[in-house]
All heavy atoms as atom14 arrays in JSON, in Angstrom:
{
  "sequence": "PARLALRAGAPIVFVFCIPDGPGHRLEFEGPLRVELLSEEERDP",
  "atom14_mask": [
    [1, 1, 1, 1, 1, 1, 1, 0, 0, 0, 0, 0, 0, 0],
    [1, 1, 1, 1, 1, 0, 0, 0, 0, 0, 0, 0, 0, 0],
    [1, 1, 1, 1, 1, 1, 1, 1, 1, 1, 1, 0, 0, 0],
    [1, 1, 1, 1, 1, 1, 1, 1, 0, 0, 0, 0, 0, 0],
    [1, 1, 1, 1, 1, 0, 0, 0, 0, 0, 0, 0, 0, 0],
    [1, 1, 1, 1, 1, 1, 1, 1, 0, 0, 0, 0, 0, 0],
    [1, 1, 1, 1, 1, 1, 1, 1, 1, 1, 1, 0, 0, 0],
    [1, 1, 1, 1, 1, 0, 0, 0, 0, 0, 0, 0, 0, 0],
    [1, 1, 1, 1, 0, 0, 0, 0, 0, 0, 0, 0, 0, 0],
    [1, 1, 1, 1, 1, 0, 0, 0, 0, 0, 0, 0, 0, 0],
    [1, 1, 1, 1, 1, 1, 1, 0, 0, 0, 0, 0, 0, 0],
    [1, 1, 1, 1, 1, 1, 1, 1, 0, 0, 0, 0, 0, 0],
    [1, 1, 1, 1, 1, 1, 1, 0, 0, 0, 0, 0, 0, 0],
    [1, 1, 1, 1, 1, 1, 1, 1, 1, 1, 1, 0, 0, 0],
    [1, 1, 1, 1, 1, 1, 1, 0, 0, 0, 0, 0, 0, 0],
    [1, 1, 1, 1, 1, 1, 1, 1, 1, 1, 1, 0, 0, 0],
    [1, 1, 1, 1, 1, 1, 0, 0, 0, 0, 0, 0, 0, 0],
    [1, 1, 1, 1, 1, 1, 1, 1, 0, 0, 0, 0, 0, 0],
    [1, 1, 1, 1, 1, 1, 1, 0, 0, 0, 0, 0, 0, 0],
    [1, 1, 1, 1, 1, 1, 1, 1, 0, 0, 0, 0, 0, 0],
    [1, 1, 1, 1, 0, 0, 0, 0, 0, 0, 0, 0, 0, 0],
    [1, 1, 1, 1, 1, 1, 1, 0, 0, 0, 0, 0, 0, 0],
    [1, 1, 1, 1, 0, 0, 0, 0, 0, 0, 0, 0, 0, 0],
    [1, 1, 1, 1, 1, 1, 1, 1, 1, 1, 0, 0, 0, 0],
    [1, 1, 1, 1, 1, 1, 1, 1, 1, 1, 1, 0, 0, 0],
    [1, 1, 1, 1, 1, 1, 1, 1, 0, 0, 0, 0, 0, 0],
    [1, 1, 1, 1, 1, 1, 1, 1, 1, 0, 0, 0, 0, 0],
    [1, 1, 1, 1, 1, 1, 1, 1, 1, 1, 1, 0, 0, 0],
    [1, 1, 1, 1, 1, 1, 1, 1, 1, 0, 0, 0, 0, 0],
    [1, 1, 1, 1, 0, 0, 0, 0, 0, 0, 0, 0, 0, 0],
    [1, 1, 1, 1, 1, 1, 1, 0, 0, 0, 0, 0, 0, 0],
    [1, 1, 1, 1, 1, 1, 1, 1, 0, 0, 0, 0, 0, 0],
    [1, 1, 1, 1, 1, 1, 1, 1, 1, 1, 1, 0, 0, 0],
    [1, 1, 1, 1, 1, 1, 1, 0, 0, 0, 0, 0, 0, 0],
    [1, 1, 1, 1, 1, 1, 1, 1, 1, 0, 0, 0, 0, 0],
    [1, 1, 1, 1, 1, 1, 1, 1, 0, 0, 0, 0, 0, 0],
    [1, 1, 1, 1, 1, 1, 1, 1, 0, 0, 0, 0, 0, 0],
    [1, 1, 1, 1, 1, 1, 0, 0, 0, 0, 0, 0, 0, 0],
    [1, 1, 1, 1, 1, 1, 1, 1, 1, 0, 0, 0, 0, 0],
    [1, 1, 1, 1, 1, 1, 1, 1, 1, 0, 0, 0, 0, 0],
    [1, 1, 1, 1, 1, 1, 1, 1, 1, 0, 0, 0, 0, 0],
    [1, 1, 1, 1, 1, 1, 1, 1, 1, 1, 1, 0, 0, 0],
    [1, 1, 1, 1, 1, 1, 1, 1, 0, 0, 0, 0, 0, 0],
    [1, 1, 1, 1, 1, 1, 1, 0, 0, 0, 0, 0, 0, 0]
  ],
  "atom14_positions": [
    [[103.0, 85.98, 88.84], [102.59, 87.11, 87.99], [103.31, 87.12, 86.65], [102.69, 87.38, 85.6], [102.96, 88.34, 88.84], [102.94, 87.85, 90.24], [103.45, 86.45, 90.17], [0.0, 0.0, 0.0], [0.0, 0.0, 0.0], [0.0, 0.0, 0.0], [0.0, 0.0, 0.0], [0.0, 0.0, 0.0], [0.0, 0.0, 0.0], [0.0, 0.0, 0.0]],
    [[104.62, 86.83, 86.66], [105.37, 86.81, 85.4], [104.88, 85.71, 84.48], [104.69, 85.92, 83.27], [106.86, 86.63, 85.71], [0.0, 0.0, 0.0], [0.0, 0.0, 0.0], [0.0, 0.0, 0.0], [0.0, 0.0, 0.0], [0.0, 0.0, 0.0], [0.0, 0.0, 0.0], [0.0, 0.0, 0.0], [0.0, 0.0, 0.0], [0.0, 0.0, 0.0]],
    [[104.65, 84.53, 85.03], [104.18, 83.42, 84.2], [102.79, 83.69, 83.63], [102.51, 83.36, 82.47], [104.2, 82.13, 85.01], [105.6, 81.61, 85.29], [105.6, 80.41, 86.19], [106.95, 79.87, 86.36], [107.29, 78.98, 87.29], [106.39, 78.53, 88.14], [108.54, 78.54, 87.36], [0.0, 0.0, 0.0], [0.0, 0.0, 0.0], [0.0, 0.0, 0.0]],
    [[101.92, 84.27, 84.43], [100.58, 84.62, 83.93], [100.67, 85.62, 82.79], [99.99, 85.47, 81.77], [99.75, 85.19, 85.08], [99.25, 84.22, 86.15], [98.73, 84.99, 87.36], [98.16, 83.31, 85.59], [0.0, 0.0, 0.0], [0.0, 0.0, 0.0], [0.0, 0.0, 0.0], [0.0, 0.0, 0.0], [0.0, 0.0, 0.0], [0.0, 0.0, 0.0]],
    [[101.48, 86.65, 82.98], [101.61, 87.68, 81.95], [102.16, 87.1, 80.65], [101.65, 87.4, 79.56], [102.51, 88.8, 82.45], [0.0, 0.0, 0.0], [0.0, 0.0, 0.0], [0.0, 0.0, 0.0], [0.0, 0.0, 0.0], [0.0, 0.0, 0.0], [0.0, 0.0, 0.0], [0.0, 0.0, 0.0], [0.0, 0.0, 0.0], [0.0, 0.0, 0.0]],
    [[103.17, 86.25, 80.76], [103.79, 85.67, 79.57], [102.84, 84.71, 78.86], [102.78, 84.68, 77.63], [105.09, 84.97, 79.95], [106.22, 85.89, 80.4], [107.34, 85.09, 81.05], [106.76, 86.71, 79.23], [0.0, 0.0, 0.0], [0.0, 0.0, 0.0], [0.0, 0.0, 0.0], [0.0, 0.0, 0.0], [0.0, 0.0, 0.0], [0.0, 0.0, 0.0]],
    [[102.1, 83.94, 79.62], [101.21, 82.95, 79.01], [100.0, 83.63, 78.34], [99.58, 83.2, 77.26], [100.74, 81.96, 80.06], [99.87, 80.85, 79.5], [99.71, 79.7, 80.46], [98.84, 78.67, 79.93], [98.56, 77.54, 80.55], [99.11, 77.28, 81.73], [97.76, 76.65, 80.02], [0.0, 0.0, 0.0], [0.0, 0.0, 0.0], [0.0, 0.0, 0.0]],
    [[99.45, 84.67, 79.0], [98.25, 85.3, 78.47], [98.54, 86.51, 77.59], [97.63, 87.05, 76.96], [97.34, 85.72, 79.63], [0.0, 0.0, 0.0], [0.0, 0.0, 0.0], [0.0, 0.0, 0.0], [0.0, 0.0, 0.0], [0.0, 0.0, 0.0], [0.0, 0.0, 0.0], [0.0, 0.0, 0.0], [0.0, 0.0, 0.0], [0.0, 0.0, 0.0]],
    [[99.81, 86.96, 77.58], [100.13, 88.18, 76.85], [99.55, 89.42, 77.49], [99.33, 90.44, 76.83], [0.0, 0.0, 0.0], [0.0, 0.0, 0.0], [0.0, 0.0, 0.0], [0.0, 0.0, 0.0], [0.0, 0.0, 0.0], [0.0, 0.0, 0.0], [0.0, 0.0, 0.0], [0.0, 0.0, 0.0], [0.0, 0.0, 0.0], [0.0, 0.0, 0.0]],
    [[99.3, 89.35, 78.79], [98.66, 90.45, 79.5], [99.68, 91.48, 79.96], [100.78, 91.13, 80.39], [97.9, 89.92, 80.73], [0.0, 0.0, 0.0], [0.0, 0.0, 0.0], [0.0, 0.0, 0.0], [0.0, 0.0, 0.0], [0.0, 0.0, 0.0], [0.0, 0.0, 0.0], [0.0, 0.0, 0.0], [0.0, 0.0, 0.0], [0.0, 0.0, 0.0]],
    [[99.34, 92.76, 79.9], [100.25, 93.8, 80.41], [100.29, 93.81, 81.93], [99.32, 93.44, 82.59], [99.63, 95.09, 79.86], [98.17, 94.79, 79.74], [98.1, 93.34, 79.35], [0.0, 0.0, 0.0], [0.0, 0.0, 0.0], [0.0, 0.0, 0.0], [0.0, 0.0, 0.0], [0.0, 0.0, 0.0], [0.0, 0.0, 0.0], [0.0, 0.0, 0.0]],
    [[101.41, 94.25, 82.46], [101.59, 94.4, 83.91], [101.62, 95.9, 84.23], [102.37, 96.65, 83.62], [102.89, 93.74, 84.38], [102.85, 92.23, 84.14], [103.14, 94.04, 85.87], [104.16, 91.52, 84.46], [0.0, 0.0, 0.0], [0.0, 0.0, 0.0], [0.0, 0.0, 0.0], [0.0, 0.0, 0.0], [0.0, 0.0, 0.0], [0.0, 0.0, 0.0]],
    [[100.78, 96.29, 85.18], [100.73, 97.68, 85.65], [101.01, 97.66, 87.15], [100.57, 96.75, 87.86], [99.34, 98.3, 85.37], [99.2, 99.65, 86.07], [99.13, 98.46, 83.86], [0.0, 0.0, 0.0], [0.0, 0.0, 0.0], [0.0, 0.0, 0.0], [0.0, 0.0, 0.0], [0.0, 0.0, 0.0], [0.0, 0.0, 0.0], [0.0, 0.0, 0.0]],
    [[101.74, 98.65, 87.63], [102.05, 98.75, 89.05], [101.2, 99.86, 89.68], [100.94, 100.89, 89.04], [103.53, 99.05, 89.26], [104.44, 97.98, 88.76], [104.89, 97.98, 87.44], [104.84, 96.95, 89.59], [105.72, 96.98, 86.96], [105.68, 95.94, 89.12], [106.11, 95.96, 87.8], [0.0, 0.0, 0.0], [0.0, 0.0, 0.0], [0.0, 0.0, 0.0]],
    [[100.79, 99.64, 90.93], [100.03, 100.67, 91.63], [100.43, 100.65, 93.11], [100.63, 99.58, 93.69], [98.51, 100.47, 91.47], [98.01, 99.22, 92.18], [97.75, 101.7, 91.96], [0.0, 0.0, 0.0], [0.0, 0.0, 0.0], [0.0, 0.0, 0.0], [0.0, 0.0, 0.0], [0.0, 0.0, 0.0], [0.0, 0.0, 0.0], [0.0, 0.0, 0.0]],
    [[100.56, 101.84, 93.68], [100.92, 101.97, 95.09], [100.05, 103.06, 95.71], [99.86, 104.13, 95.11], [102.4, 102.32, 95.25], [103.3, 101.29, 94.63], [103.77, 101.43, 93.33], [103.67, 100.16, 95.34], [104.58, 100.48, 92.75], [104.5, 99.19, 94.76], [104.95, 99.35, 93.46], [0.0, 0.0, 0.0], [0.0, 0.0, 0.0], [0.0, 0.0, 0.0]],
    [[99.5, 102.76, 96.88], [98.62, 103.71, 97.57], [99.38, 104.34, 98.73], [99.78, 103.65, 99.68], [97.37, 103.0, 98.07], [96.06, 104.12, 98.62], [0.0, 0.0, 0.0], [0.0, 0.0, 0.0], [0.0, 0.0, 0.0], [0.0, 0.0, 0.0], [0.0, 0.0, 0.0], [0.0, 0.0, 0.0], [0.0, 0.0, 0.0], [0.0, 0.0, 0.0]],
    [[99.6, 105.65, 98.63], [100.45, 106.37, 99.58], [99.58, 107.25, 100.49], [98.72, 108.0, 100.01], [101.44, 107.3, 98.82], [102.11, 106.54, 97.67], [102.46, 107.88, 99.78], [102.92, 105.36, 98.1], [0.0, 0.0, 0.0], [0.0, 0.0, 0.0], [0.0, 0.0, 0.0], [0.0, 0.0, 0.0], [0.0, 0.0, 0.0], [0.0, 0.0, 0.0]],
    [[99.77, 107.18, 101.82], [99.05, 108.11, 102.7], [99.4, 109.55, 102.33], [100.56, 109.87, 102.09], [99.58, 107.76, 104.1], [100.13, 106.38, 103.97], [100.65, 106.26, 102.57], [0.0, 0.0, 0.0], [0.0, 0.0, 0.0], [0.0, 0.0, 0.0], [0.0, 0.0, 0.0], [0.0, 0.0, 0.0], [0.0, 0.0, 0.0], [0.0, 0.0, 0.0]],
    [[98.39, 110.39, 102.28], [98.59, 111.78, 101.89], [97.66, 112.66, 102.72], [96.51, 112.91, 102.34], [98.29, 111.94, 100.39], [98.65, 113.32, 99.86], [99.33, 114.07, 100.59], [98.24, 113.65, 98.74], [0.0, 0.0, 0.0], [0.0, 0.0, 0.0], [0.0, 0.0, 0.0], [0.0, 0.0, 0.0], [0.0, 0.0, 0.0], [0.0, 0.0, 0.0]],
    [[98.16, 113.12, 103.87], [97.33, 113.91, 104.77], [96.17, 113.06, 105.28], [96.35, 111.9, 105.65], [0.0, 0.0, 0.0], [0.0, 0.0, 0.0], [0.0, 0.0, 0.0], [0.0, 0.0, 0.0], [0.0, 0.0, 0.0], [0.0, 0.0, 0.0], [0.0, 0.0, 0.0], [0.0, 0.0, 0.0], [0.0, 0.0, 0.0], [0.0, 0.0, 0.0]],
    [[94.93, 113.59, 105.24], [93.78, 112.8, 105.68], [93.31, 111.79, 104.65], [92.42, 110.99, 104.92], [92.7, 113.87, 105.91], [93.07, 114.97, 104.97], [94.58, 114.97, 104.89], [0.0, 0.0, 0.0], [0.0, 0.0, 0.0], [0.0, 0.0, 0.0], [0.0, 0.0, 0.0], [0.0, 0.0, 0.0], [0.0, 0.0, 0.0], [0.0, 0.0, 0.0]],
    [[93.89, 111.81, 103.44], [93.48, 110.9, 102.38], [94.61, 110.04, 101.88], [95.58, 109.75, 102.59], [0.0, 0.0, 0.0], [0.0, 0.0, 0.0], [0.0, 0.0, 0.0], [0.0, 0.0, 0.0], [0.0, 0.0, 0.0], [0.0, 0.0, 0.0], [0.0, 0.0, 0.0], [0.0, 0.0, 0.0], [0.0, 0.0, 0.0], [0.0, 0.0, 0.0]],
    [[94.51, 109.63, 100.61], [95.5, 108.75, 100.0], [95.75, 109.16, 98.56], [94.91, 109.82, 97.93], [95.04, 107.29, 100.03], [94.71, 106.78, 101.38], [93.44, 106.9, 101.95], [95.47, 106.17, 102.32], [93.45, 106.38, 103.16], [94.66, 105.92, 103.4], [0.0, 0.0, 0.0], [0.0, 0.0, 0.0], [0.0, 0.0, 0.0], [0.0, 0.0, 0.0]],
    [[96.89, 108.76, 98.05], [97.26, 109.01, 96.66], [97.55, 107.67, 96.0], [98.45, 106.94, 96.4], [98.48, 109.92, 96.6], [98.76, 110.52, 95.24], [99.86, 111.56, 95.33], [101.14, 111.01, 95.73], [101.69, 111.15, 96.93], [101.06, 111.85, 97.87], [102.87, 110.62, 97.22], [0.0, 0.0, 0.0], [0.0, 0.0, 0.0], [0.0, 0.0, 0.0]],
    [[96.76, 107.31, 94.98], [96.91, 106.05, 94.27], [97.72, 106.31, 93.01], [97.25, 106.97, 92.09], [95.53, 105.47, 93.92], [95.5, 104.02, 93.43], [95.81, 103.06, 94.58], [94.14, 103.68, 92.83], [0.0, 0.0, 0.0], [0.0, 0.0, 0.0], [0.0, 0.0, 0.0], [0.0, 0.0, 0.0], [0.0, 0.0, 0.0], [0.0, 0.0, 0.0]],
    [[98.95, 105.8, 92.98], [99.88, 106.11, 91.89], [100.12, 104.89, 91.01], [100.57, 103.84, 91.49], [101.22, 106.59, 92.47], [101.1, 107.85, 93.31], [102.44, 108.32, 93.84], [103.45, 107.61, 93.65], [102.49, 109.39, 94.46], [0.0, 0.0, 0.0], [0.0, 0.0, 0.0], [0.0, 0.0, 0.0], [0.0, 0.0, 0.0], [0.0, 0.0, 0.0]],
    [[99.83, 105.04, 89.72], [100.09, 103.98, 88.74], [101.43, 104.24, 88.04], [101.83, 105.38, 87.85], [98.98, 103.93, 87.68], [97.69, 103.39, 88.19], [96.68, 104.24, 88.64], [97.46, 102.02, 88.21], [95.48, 103.74, 89.11], [96.26, 101.5, 88.69], [95.27, 102.37, 89.14], [0.0, 0.0, 0.0], [0.0, 0.0, 0.0], [0.0, 0.0, 0.0]],
    [[102.09, 103.15, 87.66], [103.27, 103.27, 86.81], [103.38, 102.04, 85.92], [102.76, 101.01, 86.16], [104.55, 103.46, 87.63], [104.92, 102.34, 88.57], [106.26, 102.62, 89.25], [107.3, 102.43, 88.59], [106.25, 103.02, 90.43], [0.0, 0.0, 0.0], [0.0, 0.0, 0.0], [0.0, 0.0, 0.0], [0.0, 0.0, 0.0], [0.0, 0.0, 0.0]],
    [[104.16, 102.14, 84.87], [104.27, 101.08, 83.88], [103.75, 101.6, 82.54], [103.82, 102.8, 82.27], [0.0, 0.0, 0.0], [0.0, 0.0, 0.0], [0.0, 0.0, 0.0], [0.0, 0.0, 0.0], [0.0, 0.0, 0.0], [0.0, 0.0, 0.0], [0.0, 0.0, 0.0], [0.0, 0.0, 0.0], [0.0, 0.0, 0.0], [0.0, 0.0, 0.0]],
    [[103.22, 100.72, 81.7], [103.08, 99.28, 81.93], [104.29, 98.51, 81.42], [105.13, 99.04, 80.69], [101.86, 98.94, 81.08], [101.97, 99.87, 79.91], [102.57, 101.15, 80.45], [0.0, 0.0, 0.0], [0.0, 0.0, 0.0], [0.0, 0.0, 0.0], [0.0, 0.0, 0.0], [0.0, 0.0, 0.0], [0.0, 0.0, 0.0], [0.0, 0.0, 0.0]],
    [[104.35, 97.23, 81.81], [105.26, 96.28, 81.18], [104.43, 95.47, 80.19], [103.51, 94.75, 80.57], [105.87, 95.34, 82.23], [106.98, 95.89, 83.12], [107.39, 94.84, 84.14], [108.18, 96.3, 82.28], [0.0, 0.0, 0.0], [0.0, 0.0, 0.0], [0.0, 0.0, 0.0], [0.0, 0.0, 0.0], [0.0, 0.0, 0.0], [0.0, 0.0, 0.0]],
    [[104.75, 95.6, 78.91], [104.03, 94.86, 77.87], [104.92, 93.72, 77.4], [105.96, 93.95, 76.77], [103.63, 95.78, 76.73], [102.59, 96.81, 77.15], [102.18, 97.71, 75.99], [101.71, 96.94, 74.84], [101.26, 97.5, 73.71], [101.22, 98.82, 73.61], [100.85, 96.73, 72.71], [0.0, 0.0, 0.0], [0.0, 0.0, 0.0], [0.0, 0.0, 0.0]],
    [[104.51, 92.5, 77.71], [105.39, 91.35, 77.48], [105.68, 91.13, 76.0], [106.75, 90.62, 75.64], [104.8, 90.07, 78.12], [104.75, 90.21, 79.63], [103.41, 89.77, 77.56], [0.0, 0.0, 0.0], [0.0, 0.0, 0.0], [0.0, 0.0, 0.0], [0.0, 0.0, 0.0], [0.0, 0.0, 0.0], [0.0, 0.0, 0.0], [0.0, 0.0, 0.0]],
    [[104.74, 91.53, 75.12], [104.97, 91.3, 73.7], [106.06, 92.22, 73.14], [106.57, 91.97, 72.04], [103.66, 91.48, 72.91], [103.22, 92.92, 72.68], [102.44, 93.5, 73.85], [102.43, 92.85, 74.93], [101.82, 94.56, 73.69], [0.0, 0.0, 0.0], [0.0, 0.0, 0.0], [0.0, 0.0, 0.0], [0.0, 0.0, 0.0], [0.0, 0.0, 0.0]],
    [[106.41, 93.25, 73.9], [107.46, 94.17, 73.45], [108.83, 93.84, 74.05], [109.81, 94.5, 73.74], [107.08, 95.6, 73.81], [105.75, 96.13, 73.22], [105.51, 97.57, 73.66], [105.75, 96.02, 71.7], [0.0, 0.0, 0.0], [0.0, 0.0, 0.0], [0.0, 0.0, 0.0], [0.0, 0.0, 0.0], [0.0, 0.0, 0.0], [0.0, 0.0, 0.0]],
    [[108.88, 92.83, 74.91], [110.14, 92.46, 75.56], [111.0, 91.64, 74.61], [110.5, 90.95, 73.71], [109.86, 91.66, 76.82], [109.06, 92.36, 77.93], [108.84, 91.4, 79.1], [109.75, 93.63, 78.41], [0.0, 0.0, 0.0], [0.0, 0.0, 0.0], [0.0, 0.0, 0.0], [0.0, 0.0, 0.0], [0.0, 0.0, 0.0], [0.0, 0.0, 0.0]],
    [[112.3, 91.68, 74.84], [113.22, 90.84, 74.07], [113.07, 89.39, 74.51], [112.45, 89.09, 75.54], [114.65, 91.3, 74.29], [115.05, 91.05, 75.63], [0.0, 0.0, 0.0], [0.0, 0.0, 0.0], [0.0, 0.0, 0.0], [0.0, 0.0, 0.0], [0.0, 0.0, 0.0], [0.0, 0.0, 0.0], [0.0, 0.0, 0.0], [0.0, 0.0, 0.0]],
    [[113.66, 88.48, 73.74], [113.57, 87.06, 74.08], [114.19, 86.8, 75.45], [113.67, 86.0, 76.24], [114.28, 86.23, 73.01], [114.16, 84.73, 73.23], [114.78, 83.92, 72.11], [115.13, 84.51, 71.07], [114.92, 82.7, 72.29], [0.0, 0.0, 0.0], [0.0, 0.0, 0.0], [0.0, 0.0, 0.0], [0.0, 0.0, 0.0], [0.0, 0.0, 0.0]],
    [[115.29, 87.45, 75.74], [115.94, 87.28, 77.05], [115.06, 87.79, 78.17], [115.01, 87.2, 79.26], [117.28, 88.02, 77.05], [118.07, 87.85, 78.33], [119.41, 88.57, 78.29], [119.77, 89.07, 77.2], [120.08, 88.62, 79.33], [0.0, 0.0, 0.0], [0.0, 0.0, 0.0], [0.0, 0.0, 0.0], [0.0, 0.0, 0.0], [0.0, 0.0, 0.0]],
    [[114.35, 88.89, 77.93], [113.49, 89.48, 78.96], [112.2, 88.68, 79.15], [111.56, 88.8, 80.2], [113.15, 90.92, 78.59], [114.33, 91.87, 78.63], [114.0, 93.22, 78.03], [113.21, 93.29, 77.06], [114.55, 94.23, 78.52], [0.0, 0.0, 0.0], [0.0, 0.0, 0.0], [0.0, 0.0, 0.0], [0.0, 0.0, 0.0], [0.0, 0.0, 0.0]],
    [[111.83, 87.88, 78.14], [110.61, 87.1, 78.23], [110.85, 85.77, 78.95], [110.36, 84.73, 78.55], [110.05, 86.84, 76.83], [109.44, 88.08, 76.17], [109.06, 87.79, 74.72], [108.13, 86.69, 74.61], [106.81, 86.78, 74.74], [106.27, 87.98, 75.01], [106.02, 85.74, 74.62], [0.0, 0.0, 0.0], [0.0, 0.0, 0.0], [0.0, 0.0, 0.0]],
    [[111.58, 85.83, 79.99], [111.87, 84.68, 80.85], [111.21, 84.94, 82.2], [111.32, 86.05, 82.74], [113.39, 84.54, 81.02], [113.74, 83.49, 82.05], [113.62, 82.29, 81.75], [114.1, 83.88, 83.18], [0.0, 0.0, 0.0], [0.0, 0.0, 0.0], [0.0, 0.0, 0.0], [0.0, 0.0, 0.0], [0.0, 0.0, 0.0], [0.0, 0.0, 0.0]],
    [[110.5, 83.96, 82.77], [109.79, 84.21, 84.04], [110.69, 84.71, 85.16], [110.28, 85.58, 85.95], [109.19, 82.84, 84.38], [109.06, 82.15, 83.07], [110.22, 82.61, 82.25], [0.0, 0.0, 0.0], [0.0, 0.0, 0.0], [0.0, 0.0, 0.0], [0.0, 0.0, 0.0], [0.0, 0.0, 0.0], [0.0, 0.0, 0.0], [0.0, 0.0, 0.0]]
  ]
}
């Protein structure tokens, strides 16, 4: 995933589906935008 993001410049978004009573809760967080990372952070 890290190599794909760095090569394509694609953002990374996280999502987790949590049981919530009889249904579910789909929670997004992020994003990680590789073009905004420092040179040290842009390492796979």
